[in-house]
């Protein structure tokens, strides 16, 4: 285990300066190795920072907000249902459905045969006609798959 007592005053000053310049823990570890040939672990670097009372500046990097991709729902007037080749974890079968108004959802049947529907738009509820058509297509897909 490395200790701050093993550093010279010049090395301690360099660490203080680097920390003031905004160096990260990894930067300090790398600079110690590059400039003073002191190879220490990341954990030892953490302890060193604590022992020396160094304040690391954490630049609050502003998160780049990506403009939300606006996906325009295109009403097709028809319901289309597909089945995944690999079912979702915990599901017997799963797939995707696009309702007549263009809204999409993920569907699944669990091991006990209970259906689940996870729409892409929170709170979305398909029309009664779409649900009936979805159930017909789902029954046909499951029969064709041999389950």
N, C-alpha and C. Protein backbone atom coordinates (compact mmCIF):
# COMPACT_ATOMS: atom_id res chain seq x y z
N UNK A 1 0.84 -1.18 0.00
CA UNK A 1 0.00 0.00 0.00
C UNK A 1 0.89 1.24 0.00
N UNK A 2 0.55 2.17 -0.84
CA UNK A 2 1.33 3.39 -1.00
C UNK A 2 0.84 4.43 0.00
N UNK A 3 1.77 5.23 0.51
CA UNK A 3 1.42 6.25 1.50
C UNK A 3 1.96 7.60 1.05
N UNK A 4 1.30 8.66 1.50
CA UNK A 4 1.74 10.01 1.17
C UNK A 4 3.11 10.30 1.77
N UNK A 5 3.49 9.57 2.80
CA UNK A 5 4.80 9.75 3.44
C UNK A 5 5.94 9.37 2.50
N UNK A 6 5.64 8.59 1.48
CA UNK A 6 6.65 8.15 0.54
C UNK A 6 6.93 9.20 -0.54
N UNK A 7 6.19 10.28 -0.56
CA UNK A 7 6.36 11.33 -1.56
C UNK A 7 7.30 12.42 -1.06
N UNK A 8 8.03 13.01 -2.00
CA UNK A 8 8.87 14.16 -1.67
C UNK A 8 7.99 15.40 -1.65
N UNK A 9 8.47 16.49 -1.05
CA UNK A 9 7.69 17.73 -1.07
C UNK A 9 7.38 18.21 -2.49
N UNK A 10 8.34 18.02 -3.42
CA UNK A 10 8.10 18.42 -4.81
C UNK A 10 6.97 17.59 -5.43
N UNK A 11 6.92 16.31 -5.13
CA UNK A 11 5.87 15.45 -5.66
C UNK A 11 4.52 15.83 -5.08
N UNK A 12 4.49 16.17 -3.80
CA UNK A 12 3.24 16.60 -3.16
C UNK A 12 2.76 17.91 -3.77
N UNK A 13 3.70 18.84 -4.02
CA UNK A 13 3.34 20.11 -4.66
C UNK A 13 2.77 19.88 -6.06
N UNK A 14 3.39 18.95 -6.80
CA UNK A 14 2.92 18.66 -8.15
C UNK A 14 1.50 18.10 -8.10
N UNK A 15 1.23 17.20 -7.17
CA UNK A 15 -0.11 16.65 -7.03
C UNK A 15 -1.13 17.73 -6.70
N UNK A 16 -0.75 18.65 -5.81
CA UNK A 16 -1.64 19.75 -5.44
C UNK A 16 -1.92 20.64 -6.65
N UNK A 17 -0.88 20.92 -7.43
CA UNK A 17 -1.04 21.76 -8.61
C UNK A 17 -1.93 21.08 -9.65
N UNK A 18 -1.70 19.79 -9.89
CA UNK A 18 -2.50 19.06 -10.86
C UNK A 18 -3.97 19.02 -10.45
N UNK A 19 -4.20 18.82 -9.18
CA UNK A 19 -5.57 18.79 -8.69
C UNK A 19 -6.24 20.15 -8.88
N UNK A 20 -5.49 21.23 -8.62
CA UNK A 20 -6.03 22.57 -8.79
C UNK A 20 -6.31 22.87 -10.27
N UNK A 21 -5.56 22.24 -11.15
CA UNK A 21 -5.76 22.44 -12.59
C UNK A 21 -6.93 21.62 -13.13
N UNK A 22 -7.54 20.80 -12.26
CA UNK A 22 -8.71 20.04 -12.69
C UNK A 22 -8.43 18.61 -13.06
N UNK A 23 -7.30 18.06 -12.64
CA UNK A 23 -6.99 16.67 -12.95
C UNK A 23 -7.95 15.72 -12.25
N UNK A 24 -8.28 14.65 -12.92
CA UNK A 24 -9.12 13.62 -12.33
C UNK A 24 -8.24 12.62 -11.59
N UNK A 25 -8.88 11.69 -10.91
CA UNK A 25 -8.13 10.66 -10.19
C UNK A 25 -7.24 9.89 -11.16
N UNK A 26 -7.77 9.55 -12.31
CA UNK A 26 -7.00 8.81 -13.32
C UNK A 26 -5.84 9.65 -13.84
N UNK A 27 -6.07 10.96 -14.00
CA UNK A 27 -5.01 11.86 -14.46
C UNK A 27 -3.86 11.87 -13.46
N UNK A 28 -4.20 11.97 -12.17
CA UNK A 28 -3.17 11.99 -11.13
C UNK A 28 -2.37 10.70 -11.16
N UNK A 29 -3.05 9.60 -11.28
CA UNK A 29 -2.39 8.29 -11.32
C UNK A 29 -1.44 8.21 -12.51
N UNK A 30 -1.90 8.66 -13.67
CA UNK A 30 -1.08 8.62 -14.89
C UNK A 30 0.12 9.57 -14.78
N UNK A 31 -0.10 10.78 -14.26
CA UNK A 31 0.99 11.76 -14.16
C UNK A 31 2.05 11.31 -13.16
N UNK A 32 1.63 10.67 -12.08
CA UNK A 32 2.61 10.14 -11.14
C UNK A 32 3.52 9.11 -11.82
N UNK A 33 2.91 8.29 -12.65
CA UNK A 33 3.70 7.28 -13.35
C UNK A 33 4.59 7.91 -14.42
N UNK A 34 4.03 8.85 -15.19
CA UNK A 34 4.79 9.45 -16.29
C UNK A 34 5.91 10.35 -15.82
N UNK A 35 5.64 11.16 -14.80
CA UNK A 35 6.63 12.17 -14.39
C UNK A 35 7.54 11.74 -13.25
N UNK A 36 7.05 10.83 -12.40
CA UNK A 36 7.86 10.44 -11.24
C UNK A 36 8.13 8.93 -11.17
N UNK A 37 7.69 8.19 -12.19
CA UNK A 37 7.86 6.74 -12.25
C UNK A 37 7.30 6.06 -10.98
N UNK A 38 6.17 6.58 -10.49
CA UNK A 38 5.49 5.99 -9.34
C UNK A 38 4.20 5.35 -9.87
N UNK A 39 4.21 4.02 -9.91
CA UNK A 39 3.04 3.30 -10.40
C UNK A 39 2.22 2.83 -9.20
N UNK A 40 1.04 3.40 -9.05
CA UNK A 40 0.17 3.02 -7.95
C UNK A 40 -1.22 2.70 -8.48
N UNK A 41 -1.97 1.98 -7.69
CA UNK A 41 -3.32 1.59 -8.12
C UNK A 41 -4.27 2.79 -7.99
N UNK A 42 -5.41 2.64 -8.59
CA UNK A 42 -6.43 3.69 -8.52
C UNK A 42 -6.85 3.89 -7.07
N UNK A 43 -6.99 2.78 -6.32
CA UNK A 43 -7.40 2.87 -4.91
C UNK A 43 -6.33 3.61 -4.10
N UNK A 44 -5.06 3.29 -4.35
CA UNK A 44 -3.99 4.01 -3.65
C UNK A 44 -4.01 5.50 -3.99
N UNK A 45 -4.36 5.81 -5.23
CA UNK A 45 -4.47 7.22 -5.64
C UNK A 45 -5.58 7.90 -4.86
N UNK A 46 -6.68 7.20 -4.67
CA UNK A 46 -7.79 7.75 -3.88
C UNK A 46 -7.34 8.05 -2.45
N UNK A 47 -6.64 7.07 -1.85
CA UNK A 47 -6.16 7.27 -0.49
C UNK A 47 -5.16 8.42 -0.42
N UNK A 48 -4.33 8.54 -1.43
CA UNK A 48 -3.35 9.61 -1.50
C UNK A 48 -4.04 10.97 -1.54
N UNK A 49 -5.08 11.08 -2.33
CA UNK A 49 -5.83 12.33 -2.42
C UNK A 49 -6.44 12.67 -1.06
N UNK A 50 -6.96 11.66 -0.38
CA UNK A 50 -7.53 11.89 0.95
C UNK A 50 -6.45 12.28 1.96
N UNK A 51 -5.32 11.56 1.94
CA UNK A 51 -4.22 11.85 2.88
C UNK A 51 -3.69 13.26 2.72
N UNK A 52 -3.61 13.72 1.47
CA UNK A 52 -3.06 15.05 1.21
C UNK A 52 -4.13 16.14 1.30
N UNK A 53 -5.39 15.73 1.44
CA UNK A 53 -6.48 16.70 1.53
C UNK A 53 -6.70 17.46 0.24
N UNK A 54 -6.49 16.79 -0.88
CA UNK A 54 -6.65 17.45 -2.17
C UNK A 54 -8.13 17.55 -2.53
N UNK A 55 -8.48 18.66 -3.09
CA UNK A 55 -9.84 18.88 -3.57
C UNK A 55 -9.82 18.75 -5.09
N UNK A 56 -10.43 17.70 -5.59
CA UNK A 56 -10.49 17.53 -7.03
C UNK A 56 -11.67 18.33 -7.56
N UNK A 57 -11.39 19.10 -8.60
CA UNK A 57 -12.45 19.89 -9.22
C UNK A 57 -13.22 18.99 -10.17
N UNK A 58 -14.49 18.96 -9.96
CA UNK A 58 -15.33 18.19 -10.85
C UNK A 58 -16.07 19.17 -11.72
N UNK A 59 -15.61 19.29 -12.95
CA UNK A 59 -16.30 20.18 -13.88
C UNK A 59 -17.69 19.62 -14.14
N UNK A 60 -18.64 20.43 -13.87
CA UNK A 60 -20.01 20.01 -14.16
C UNK A 60 -20.20 20.09 -15.67
N UNK A 61 -19.97 18.97 -16.30
CA UNK A 61 -20.09 18.94 -17.75
C UNK A 61 -21.57 19.00 -18.09
N UNK A 62 -21.95 20.03 -18.81
CA UNK A 62 -23.37 20.10 -19.15
C UNK A 62 -23.73 18.96 -20.08
N UNK A 63 -24.78 18.26 -19.70
CA UNK A 63 -25.22 17.15 -20.54
C UNK A 63 -25.83 17.70 -21.81
N UNK A 64 -25.35 17.18 -22.89
CA UNK A 64 -25.89 17.62 -24.17
C UNK A 64 -27.28 17.03 -24.32
N UNK A 65 -28.23 17.89 -24.44
CA UNK A 65 -29.59 17.42 -24.62
C UNK A 65 -29.84 17.26 -26.10
N UNK A 66 -30.09 16.02 -26.44
CA UNK A 66 -30.38 15.74 -27.84
C UNK A 66 -31.84 16.10 -28.09
N UNK A 67 -32.07 16.75 -29.18
CA UNK A 67 -33.48 17.05 -29.46
C UNK A 67 -34.24 15.74 -29.61
N UNK A 68 -35.37 15.69 -28.93
CA UNK A 68 -36.15 14.47 -28.99
C UNK A 68 -36.61 14.23 -30.42
N UNK A 69 -36.35 13.02 -30.82
CA UNK A 69 -36.73 12.66 -32.18
C UNK A 69 -38.25 12.52 -32.22
N UNK A 70 -38.84 13.31 -33.03
CA UNK A 70 -40.28 13.28 -33.15
C UNK A 70 -40.64 12.29 -34.25
N UNK A 71 -41.25 11.22 -33.82
CA UNK A 71 -41.66 10.22 -34.78
C UNK A 71 -43.14 10.45 -35.05
N UNK A 72 -43.40 10.80 -36.26
CA UNK A 72 -44.79 11.06 -36.62
C UNK A 72 -45.50 9.75 -36.86
N UNK A 73 -46.58 9.56 -36.14
CA UNK A 73 -47.38 8.35 -36.28
C UNK A 73 -48.22 8.47 -37.54
N UNK A 74 -48.09 7.50 -38.40
CA UNK A 74 -48.82 7.53 -39.66
C UNK A 74 -49.94 6.49 -39.58
N UNK A 75 -51.17 6.97 -39.54
CA UNK A 75 -52.29 6.02 -39.51
C UNK A 75 -52.31 5.18 -40.78
N UNK A 76 -52.34 3.89 -40.61
CA UNK A 76 -52.36 3.00 -41.77
C UNK A 76 -53.74 2.41 -42.00
N UNK A 77 -54.58 2.48 -40.96
CA UNK A 77 -55.90 1.91 -41.09
C UNK A 77 -55.92 0.41 -40.88
N UNK A 78 -54.76 -0.18 -40.62
CA UNK A 78 -54.68 -1.62 -40.42
C UNK A 78 -53.80 -1.93 -39.22
N UNK A 79 -54.05 -3.05 -38.60
CA UNK A 79 -53.23 -3.53 -37.49
C UNK A 79 -52.25 -4.55 -38.05
N UNK A 80 -50.97 -4.41 -37.69
CA UNK A 80 -49.98 -5.41 -38.11
C UNK A 80 -49.27 -5.94 -36.86
N UNK A 81 -49.13 -7.25 -36.82
CA UNK A 81 -48.55 -7.92 -35.66
C UNK A 81 -47.42 -8.81 -36.13
N UNK A 82 -46.27 -8.72 -35.43
CA UNK A 82 -45.13 -9.58 -35.76
C UNK A 82 -44.69 -10.31 -34.50
N UNK A 83 -44.00 -11.44 -34.68
CA UNK A 83 -43.50 -12.23 -33.56
C UNK A 83 -41.97 -12.21 -33.60
N UNK A 84 -41.37 -12.03 -32.42
CA UNK A 84 -39.91 -12.04 -32.31
C UNK A 84 -39.38 -13.47 -32.50
N UNK A 85 -38.17 -13.56 -33.08
CA UNK A 85 -37.53 -14.87 -33.21
C UNK A 85 -37.08 -15.36 -31.84
N UNK A 86 -36.61 -14.42 -31.01
CA UNK A 86 -36.22 -14.71 -29.63
C UNK A 86 -37.18 -13.97 -28.71
N UNK A 87 -37.87 -14.70 -27.86
CA UNK A 87 -38.84 -14.07 -26.97
C UNK A 87 -38.13 -13.26 -25.90
N UNK A 88 -38.81 -12.24 -25.40
CA UNK A 88 -38.29 -11.43 -24.32
C UNK A 88 -38.09 -12.30 -23.07
N UNK A 89 -37.15 -11.93 -22.18
CA UNK A 89 -36.95 -12.71 -20.96
C UNK A 89 -38.26 -12.83 -20.17
N UNK A 90 -38.58 -14.04 -19.74
CA UNK A 90 -39.79 -14.28 -18.97
C UNK A 90 -41.02 -14.49 -19.82
N UNK A 91 -40.87 -14.41 -21.13
CA UNK A 91 -42.03 -14.56 -22.03
C UNK A 91 -41.95 -15.87 -22.78
N UNK A 92 -43.11 -16.44 -23.03
CA UNK A 92 -43.20 -17.63 -23.88
C UNK A 92 -43.01 -17.20 -25.33
N UNK A 93 -43.71 -16.14 -25.72
CA UNK A 93 -43.56 -15.52 -27.03
C UNK A 93 -43.72 -14.02 -26.86
N UNK A 94 -43.17 -13.27 -27.81
CA UNK A 94 -43.30 -11.81 -27.78
C UNK A 94 -43.17 -11.28 -29.19
N UNK A 95 -43.48 -10.00 -29.34
CA UNK A 95 -43.38 -9.38 -30.65
C UNK A 95 -43.79 -7.93 -30.60
N UNK A 96 -44.12 -7.39 -31.78
CA UNK A 96 -44.49 -5.98 -31.89
C UNK A 96 -45.82 -5.88 -32.62
N UNK A 97 -46.54 -4.81 -32.31
CA UNK A 97 -47.81 -4.56 -32.98
C UNK A 97 -47.88 -3.08 -33.33
N UNK A 98 -48.39 -2.80 -34.52
CA UNK A 98 -48.67 -1.43 -34.94
C UNK A 98 -50.17 -1.34 -35.15
N UNK A 99 -50.79 -0.43 -34.41
CA UNK A 99 -52.24 -0.28 -34.49
C UNK A 99 -52.61 0.62 -35.66
N UNK A 100 -53.90 0.67 -35.97
CA UNK A 100 -54.38 1.39 -37.15
C UNK A 100 -54.10 2.89 -37.10
N UNK A 101 -53.92 3.43 -35.89
CA UNK A 101 -53.64 4.87 -35.78
C UNK A 101 -52.15 5.17 -35.81
N UNK A 102 -51.31 4.17 -36.05
CA UNK A 102 -49.87 4.37 -36.16
C UNK A 102 -49.12 4.15 -34.86
N UNK A 103 -49.82 3.98 -33.74
CA UNK A 103 -49.16 3.73 -32.46
C UNK A 103 -48.59 2.31 -32.45
N UNK A 104 -47.45 2.15 -31.77
CA UNK A 104 -46.80 0.84 -31.70
C UNK A 104 -46.68 0.39 -30.25
N UNK A 105 -46.52 -0.93 -30.09
CA UNK A 105 -46.38 -1.50 -28.75
C UNK A 105 -45.63 -2.83 -28.85
N UNK A 106 -45.10 -3.26 -27.73
CA UNK A 106 -44.49 -4.58 -27.61
C UNK A 106 -45.51 -5.45 -26.90
N UNK A 107 -45.71 -6.66 -27.40
CA UNK A 107 -46.63 -7.58 -26.74
C UNK A 107 -45.87 -8.80 -26.29
N UNK A 108 -46.45 -9.52 -25.33
CA UNK A 108 -45.84 -10.76 -24.86
C UNK A 108 -46.90 -11.65 -24.23
N UNK A 109 -46.63 -12.93 -24.22
CA UNK A 109 -47.41 -13.90 -23.46
C UNK A 109 -46.44 -14.54 -22.49
N UNK A 110 -46.75 -14.48 -21.18
CA UNK A 110 -45.84 -15.07 -20.22
C UNK A 110 -46.01 -16.59 -20.16
N UNK A 111 -45.26 -17.23 -19.29
CA UNK A 111 -45.24 -18.70 -19.21
C UNK A 111 -46.60 -19.29 -18.86
N UNK A 112 -47.47 -18.49 -18.22
CA UNK A 112 -48.80 -18.99 -17.86
C UNK A 112 -49.84 -18.62 -18.91
N UNK A 113 -49.43 -17.93 -19.97
CA UNK A 113 -50.35 -17.56 -21.04
C UNK A 113 -51.01 -16.20 -20.87
N UNK A 114 -50.59 -15.46 -19.84
CA UNK A 114 -51.17 -14.12 -19.64
C UNK A 114 -50.56 -13.14 -20.64
N UNK A 115 -51.41 -12.34 -21.28
CA UNK A 115 -50.89 -11.37 -22.25
C UNK A 115 -50.40 -10.10 -21.57
N UNK A 116 -49.47 -9.44 -22.22
CA UNK A 116 -48.98 -8.14 -21.76
C UNK A 116 -48.78 -7.24 -22.96
N UNK A 117 -49.04 -5.96 -22.79
CA UNK A 117 -48.89 -4.99 -23.87
C UNK A 117 -48.19 -3.76 -23.32
N UNK A 118 -47.08 -3.39 -23.93
CA UNK A 118 -46.30 -2.23 -23.48
C UNK A 118 -46.24 -1.22 -24.63
N UNK A 119 -47.14 -0.22 -24.61
CA UNK A 119 -47.16 0.75 -25.71
C UNK A 119 -45.96 1.70 -25.63
N UNK A 120 -45.51 2.16 -26.80
CA UNK A 120 -44.40 3.11 -26.85
C UNK A 120 -44.80 4.45 -26.26
N UNK A 121 -46.06 4.83 -26.38
CA UNK A 121 -46.57 6.07 -25.82
C UNK A 121 -47.24 5.73 -24.49
N UNK A 122 -46.68 6.26 -23.37
CA UNK A 122 -47.27 5.96 -22.06
C UNK A 122 -48.75 6.33 -22.01
N UNK A 123 -49.55 5.42 -21.46
CA UNK A 123 -50.97 5.68 -21.31
C UNK A 123 -51.81 5.40 -22.54
N UNK A 124 -51.18 4.99 -23.62
CA UNK A 124 -51.93 4.74 -24.85
C UNK A 124 -52.85 3.54 -24.69
N UNK A 125 -54.06 3.67 -25.22
CA UNK A 125 -55.03 2.57 -25.24
C UNK A 125 -55.57 2.45 -26.67
N UNK A 126 -55.36 1.28 -27.28
CA UNK A 126 -55.87 1.09 -28.64
C UNK A 126 -57.40 1.01 -28.64
N UNK A 127 -57.98 1.24 -29.79
CA UNK A 127 -59.44 1.15 -29.92
C UNK A 127 -59.87 -0.30 -29.78
N UNK A 128 -61.14 -0.50 -29.47
CA UNK A 128 -61.68 -1.84 -29.31
C UNK A 128 -61.55 -2.65 -30.60
N UNK A 129 -61.76 -1.99 -31.74
CA UNK A 129 -61.64 -2.69 -33.02
C UNK A 129 -60.20 -3.16 -33.24
N UNK A 130 -59.22 -2.30 -32.88
CA UNK A 130 -57.81 -2.67 -33.03
C UNK A 130 -57.45 -3.84 -32.12
N UNK A 131 -57.98 -3.86 -30.92
CA UNK A 131 -57.68 -4.95 -29.99
C UNK A 131 -58.23 -6.28 -30.54
N UNK A 132 -59.42 -6.24 -31.07
CA UNK A 132 -60.01 -7.46 -31.65
C UNK A 132 -59.17 -7.96 -32.82
N UNK A 133 -58.75 -7.04 -33.70
CA UNK A 133 -57.92 -7.42 -34.84
C UNK A 133 -56.55 -7.94 -34.37
N UNK A 134 -55.97 -7.29 -33.36
CA UNK A 134 -54.69 -7.72 -32.80
C UNK A 134 -54.81 -9.14 -32.25
N UNK A 135 -55.89 -9.43 -31.53
CA UNK A 135 -56.08 -10.76 -30.96
C UNK A 135 -56.20 -11.82 -32.06
N UNK A 136 -56.89 -11.50 -33.14
CA UNK A 136 -57.02 -12.43 -34.26
C UNK A 136 -55.64 -12.74 -34.87
N UNK A 137 -54.88 -11.66 -35.13
CA UNK A 137 -53.55 -11.83 -35.72
C UNK A 137 -52.62 -12.59 -34.78
N UNK A 138 -52.72 -12.30 -33.50
CA UNK A 138 -51.88 -12.97 -32.52
C UNK A 138 -52.20 -14.47 -32.48
N UNK A 139 -53.46 -14.81 -32.48
CA UNK A 139 -53.88 -16.22 -32.49
C UNK A 139 -53.32 -16.92 -33.73
N UNK A 140 -53.43 -16.25 -34.91
CA UNK A 140 -52.91 -16.85 -36.15
C UNK A 140 -51.40 -17.05 -36.08
N UNK A 141 -50.68 -16.05 -35.56
CA UNK A 141 -49.22 -16.16 -35.47
C UNK A 141 -48.81 -17.31 -34.55
N UNK A 142 -49.49 -17.45 -33.44
CA UNK A 142 -49.14 -18.50 -32.49
C UNK A 142 -49.46 -19.88 -33.08
N UNK A 143 -50.58 -19.99 -33.77
CA UNK A 143 -50.93 -21.27 -34.40
C UNK A 143 -49.91 -21.64 -35.48
N UNK A 144 -49.49 -20.66 -36.26
CA UNK A 144 -48.50 -20.92 -37.32
C UNK A 144 -47.15 -21.32 -36.74
N UNK A 145 -46.81 -20.79 -35.57
CA UNK A 145 -45.50 -21.09 -34.96
C UNK A 145 -45.48 -22.47 -34.32
N UNK A 146 -46.67 -23.08 -34.09
CA UNK A 146 -46.73 -24.42 -33.54
C UNK A 146 -46.74 -24.46 -32.03
N UNK A 147 -46.95 -23.33 -31.39
CA UNK A 147 -47.00 -23.33 -29.92
C UNK A 147 -48.34 -23.75 -29.39
